[in-house]
Amino acid sequence: MSQKFPNDLEKLFTLKGTKRKYFSRDLNDIRDPGQIKGTNIYFEMNDNSDTLGRRCKKVLKLYGLDTATFKIITY
């Protein structure tokens, strides 16, 4: 998304859980942060693969992409 929609990354901040954020520019907001390459945005990695896969689908939908055209494999 950061390459395809570089000027529209603020949408990511609308995705959040009831108790924590999934995306943030502040490292203190994320328990186990990963960084989106080429940005100053961090994402939560402290979840199981199924949860992360569902979150990926939410991101795709957020940007208007058809989730059926992507294959997300979890282990």
N, C-alpha and C. Protein backbone atom coordinates (compact mmCIF):
# COMPACT_ATOMS: atom_id res chain seq x y z
N MET A 1 0.82 -1.18 0.00
CA MET A 1 0.00 0.00 0.00
C MET A 1 0.87 1.25 0.00
N SER A 2 2.02 1.15 0.67
CA SER A 2 2.88 2.34 0.75
C SER A 2 3.43 2.72 -0.62
N GLN A 3 3.59 1.76 -1.51
CA GLN A 3 4.07 2.07 -2.86
C GLN A 3 2.93 2.44 -3.79
N LYS A 4 1.80 1.78 -3.66
CA LYS A 4 0.67 2.02 -4.56
C LYS A 4 -0.12 3.27 -4.16
N PHE A 5 -0.20 3.55 -2.86
CA PHE A 5 -0.97 4.69 -2.36
C PHE A 5 -0.13 5.53 -1.39
N PRO A 6 1.02 6.04 -1.83
CA PRO A 6 1.92 6.74 -0.89
C PRO A 6 1.33 8.00 -0.27
N ASN A 7 0.39 8.64 -0.94
CA ASN A 7 -0.21 9.87 -0.40
C ASN A 7 -1.47 9.62 0.39
N ASP A 8 -1.82 8.35 0.59
CA ASP A 8 -3.08 8.01 1.25
C ASP A 8 -2.87 7.04 2.42
N LEU A 9 -1.70 7.10 3.03
CA LEU A 9 -1.39 6.15 4.10
C LEU A 9 -2.11 6.46 5.41
N GLU A 10 -2.65 7.66 5.54
CA GLU A 10 -3.36 8.04 6.77
C GLU A 10 -4.55 7.12 7.04
N LYS A 11 -5.08 6.49 6.00
CA LYS A 11 -6.21 5.56 6.17
C LYS A 11 -5.86 4.43 7.13
N LEU A 12 -4.60 4.03 7.15
CA LEU A 12 -4.18 2.92 8.01
C LEU A 12 -4.51 3.18 9.48
N PHE A 13 -4.46 4.44 9.88
CA PHE A 13 -4.67 4.77 11.28
C PHE A 13 -6.12 4.61 11.72
N THR A 14 -7.02 4.40 10.78
CA THR A 14 -8.42 4.16 11.14
C THR A 14 -8.64 2.72 11.60
N LEU A 15 -7.70 1.84 11.28
CA LEU A 15 -7.80 0.44 11.70
C LEU A 15 -7.16 0.31 13.08
N LYS A 16 -7.96 -0.07 14.07
CA LYS A 16 -7.43 -0.24 15.41
C LYS A 16 -8.32 -1.19 16.18
N GLY A 17 -7.74 -1.78 17.19
CA GLY A 17 -8.49 -2.67 18.05
C GLY A 17 -9.17 -1.91 19.17
N THR A 18 -9.83 -2.65 20.05
CA THR A 18 -10.52 -1.99 21.16
C THR A 18 -9.55 -1.49 22.22
N LYS A 19 -8.38 -2.14 22.31
CA LYS A 19 -7.43 -1.77 23.35
C LYS A 19 -6.09 -1.25 22.83
N ARG A 20 -5.84 -1.42 21.54
CA ARG A 20 -4.53 -0.98 21.03
C ARG A 20 -4.62 -0.61 19.56
N LYS A 21 -3.59 0.09 19.14
CA LYS A 21 -3.50 0.52 17.75
C LYS A 21 -2.79 -0.55 16.93
N TYR A 22 -3.15 -0.65 15.67
CA TYR A 22 -2.48 -1.58 14.76
C TYR A 22 -1.39 -0.86 13.96
N PHE A 23 -1.57 0.44 13.75
CA PHE A 23 -0.62 1.26 13.00
C PHE A 23 -0.39 2.56 13.75
N SER A 24 0.86 3.02 13.77
CA SER A 24 1.16 4.27 14.45
C SER A 24 2.50 4.81 13.99
N ARG A 25 2.69 6.12 14.18
CA ARG A 25 4.00 6.72 13.94
C ARG A 25 4.82 6.74 15.23
N ASP A 26 4.17 6.46 16.35
CA ASP A 26 4.81 6.47 17.66
C ASP A 26 5.12 5.04 18.10
N LEU A 27 6.38 4.73 18.27
CA LEU A 27 6.80 3.38 18.68
C LEU A 27 6.18 2.96 20.02
N ASN A 28 5.88 3.93 20.87
CA ASN A 28 5.30 3.61 22.19
C ASN A 28 3.87 3.09 22.09
N ASP A 29 3.22 3.28 20.97
CA ASP A 29 1.85 2.80 20.77
C ASP A 29 1.79 1.33 20.39
N ILE A 30 2.92 0.78 19.97
CA ILE A 30 2.96 -0.58 19.43
C ILE A 30 3.81 -1.47 20.34
N ARG A 31 3.27 -2.62 20.72
CA ARG A 31 3.98 -3.52 21.62
C ARG A 31 5.16 -4.21 20.93
N ASP A 32 4.93 -4.75 19.76
CA ASP A 32 5.97 -5.46 19.00
C ASP A 32 5.99 -4.88 17.59
N PRO A 33 6.72 -3.76 17.39
CA PRO A 33 6.61 -3.03 16.13
C PRO A 33 7.42 -3.60 14.98
N GLY A 34 6.84 -3.48 13.81
CA GLY A 34 7.53 -3.66 12.54
C GLY A 34 7.36 -2.36 11.80
N GLN A 35 8.27 -2.02 10.92
CA GLN A 35 8.17 -0.75 10.21
C GLN A 35 7.79 -1.00 8.76
N ILE A 36 6.86 -0.20 8.26
CA ILE A 36 6.50 -0.27 6.85
C ILE A 36 7.64 0.36 6.06
N LYS A 37 8.23 -0.42 5.20
CA LYS A 37 9.41 0.01 4.45
C LYS A 37 9.18 1.35 3.75
N GLY A 38 10.13 2.25 3.94
CA GLY A 38 10.09 3.55 3.27
C GLY A 38 9.18 4.57 3.94
N THR A 39 8.66 4.25 5.13
CA THR A 39 7.78 5.18 5.85
C THR A 39 8.23 5.29 7.30
N ASN A 40 7.58 6.18 8.02
CA ASN A 40 7.79 6.26 9.47
C ASN A 40 6.58 5.71 10.20
N ILE A 41 5.94 4.72 9.58
CA ILE A 41 4.75 4.09 10.15
C ILE A 41 5.12 2.69 10.64
N TYR A 42 4.68 2.40 11.87
CA TYR A 42 4.94 1.10 12.48
C TYR A 42 3.63 0.33 12.59
N PHE A 43 3.74 -1.00 12.56
CA PHE A 43 2.55 -1.85 12.67
C PHE A 43 2.78 -2.90 13.74
N GLU A 44 1.70 -3.38 14.30
CA GLU A 44 1.75 -4.39 15.36
C GLU A 44 1.99 -5.77 14.77
N MET A 45 3.02 -6.43 15.28
CA MET A 45 3.35 -7.78 14.81
C MET A 45 3.03 -8.84 15.86
N ASN A 46 2.58 -8.42 17.04
CA ASN A 46 2.35 -9.35 18.14
C ASN A 46 0.95 -9.96 18.05
N ASP A 47 0.72 -10.74 17.02
CA ASP A 47 -0.53 -11.45 16.82
C ASP A 47 -0.25 -12.76 16.10
N ASN A 48 -1.21 -13.66 16.14
CA ASN A 48 -1.00 -14.92 15.43
C ASN A 48 -1.23 -14.72 13.93
N SER A 49 -0.85 -15.69 13.16
CA SER A 49 -0.89 -15.55 11.70
C SER A 49 -2.30 -15.35 11.16
N ASP A 50 -3.29 -16.00 11.76
CA ASP A 50 -4.67 -15.83 11.29
C ASP A 50 -5.16 -14.40 11.51
N THR A 51 -4.83 -13.85 12.67
CA THR A 51 -5.22 -12.46 12.98
C THR A 51 -4.54 -11.49 12.03
N LEU A 52 -3.26 -11.70 11.77
CA LEU A 52 -2.53 -10.83 10.84
C LEU A 52 -3.09 -10.96 9.43
N GLY A 53 -3.48 -12.16 9.04
CA GLY A 53 -4.09 -12.37 7.72
C GLY A 53 -5.41 -11.62 7.59
N ARG A 54 -6.24 -11.66 8.64
CA ARG A 54 -7.51 -10.92 8.62
C ARG A 54 -7.24 -9.41 8.56
N ARG A 55 -6.22 -8.97 9.26
CA ARG A 55 -5.88 -7.54 9.23
C ARG A 55 -5.42 -7.14 7.83
N CYS A 56 -4.69 -8.01 7.17
CA CYS A 56 -4.26 -7.72 5.78
C CYS A 56 -5.48 -7.55 4.88
N LYS A 57 -6.48 -8.40 5.05
CA LYS A 57 -7.70 -8.28 4.25
C LYS A 57 -8.40 -6.96 4.53
N LYS A 58 -8.41 -6.52 5.80
CA LYS A 58 -9.02 -5.23 6.14
C LYS A 58 -8.29 -4.08 5.45
N VAL A 59 -6.98 -4.17 5.38
CA VAL A 59 -6.19 -3.13 4.71
C VAL A 59 -6.52 -3.12 3.23
N LEU A 60 -6.61 -4.28 2.61
CA LEU A 60 -6.96 -4.34 1.19
C LEU A 60 -8.32 -3.71 0.93
N LYS A 61 -9.31 -4.04 1.76
CA LYS A 61 -10.65 -3.48 1.60
C LYS A 61 -10.63 -1.97 1.82
N LEU A 62 -9.84 -1.52 2.78
CA LEU A 62 -9.74 -0.10 3.09
C LEU A 62 -9.30 0.71 1.87
N TYR A 63 -8.45 0.11 1.05
CA TYR A 63 -7.95 0.78 -0.15
C TYR A 63 -8.73 0.41 -1.40
N GLY A 64 -9.86 -0.26 -1.21
CA GLY A 64 -10.74 -0.57 -2.33
C GLY A 64 -10.24 -1.68 -3.23
N LEU A 65 -9.40 -2.54 -2.71
CA LEU A 65 -8.88 -3.65 -3.51
C LEU A 65 -9.68 -4.91 -3.22
N ASP A 66 -9.87 -5.72 -4.24
CA ASP A 66 -10.64 -6.95 -4.12
C ASP A 66 -9.79 -8.02 -3.44
N THR A 67 -10.23 -8.46 -2.28
CA THR A 67 -9.46 -9.46 -1.53
C THR A 67 -9.37 -10.80 -2.25
N ALA A 68 -10.30 -11.05 -3.16
CA ALA A 68 -10.28 -12.31 -3.90
C ALA A 68 -9.12 -12.40 -4.88
N THR A 69 -8.53 -11.25 -5.23
CA THR A 69 -7.41 -11.26 -6.18
C THR A 69 -6.07 -11.44 -5.49
N PHE A 70 -6.09 -11.56 -4.16
CA PHE A 70 -4.87 -11.77 -3.39
C PHE A 70 -4.95 -13.11 -2.67
N LYS A 71 -3.80 -13.70 -2.49
CA LYS A 71 -3.73 -14.95 -1.74
C LYS A 71 -2.90 -14.70 -0.50
N ILE A 72 -3.51 -14.84 0.65
CA ILE A 72 -2.81 -14.67 1.92
C ILE A 72 -2.69 -16.04 2.55
N ILE A 73 -1.46 -16.48 2.72
CA ILE A 73 -1.18 -17.80 3.27
C ILE A 73 -0.67 -17.63 4.70
N THR A 74 -1.29 -18.33 5.63
CA THR A 74 -0.86 -18.28 7.04
C THR A 74 -0.39 -19.67 7.45
N TYR A 75 0.54 -19.67 8.38
CA TYR A 75 1.10 -20.94 8.89
C TYR A 75 0.91 -21.02 10.38
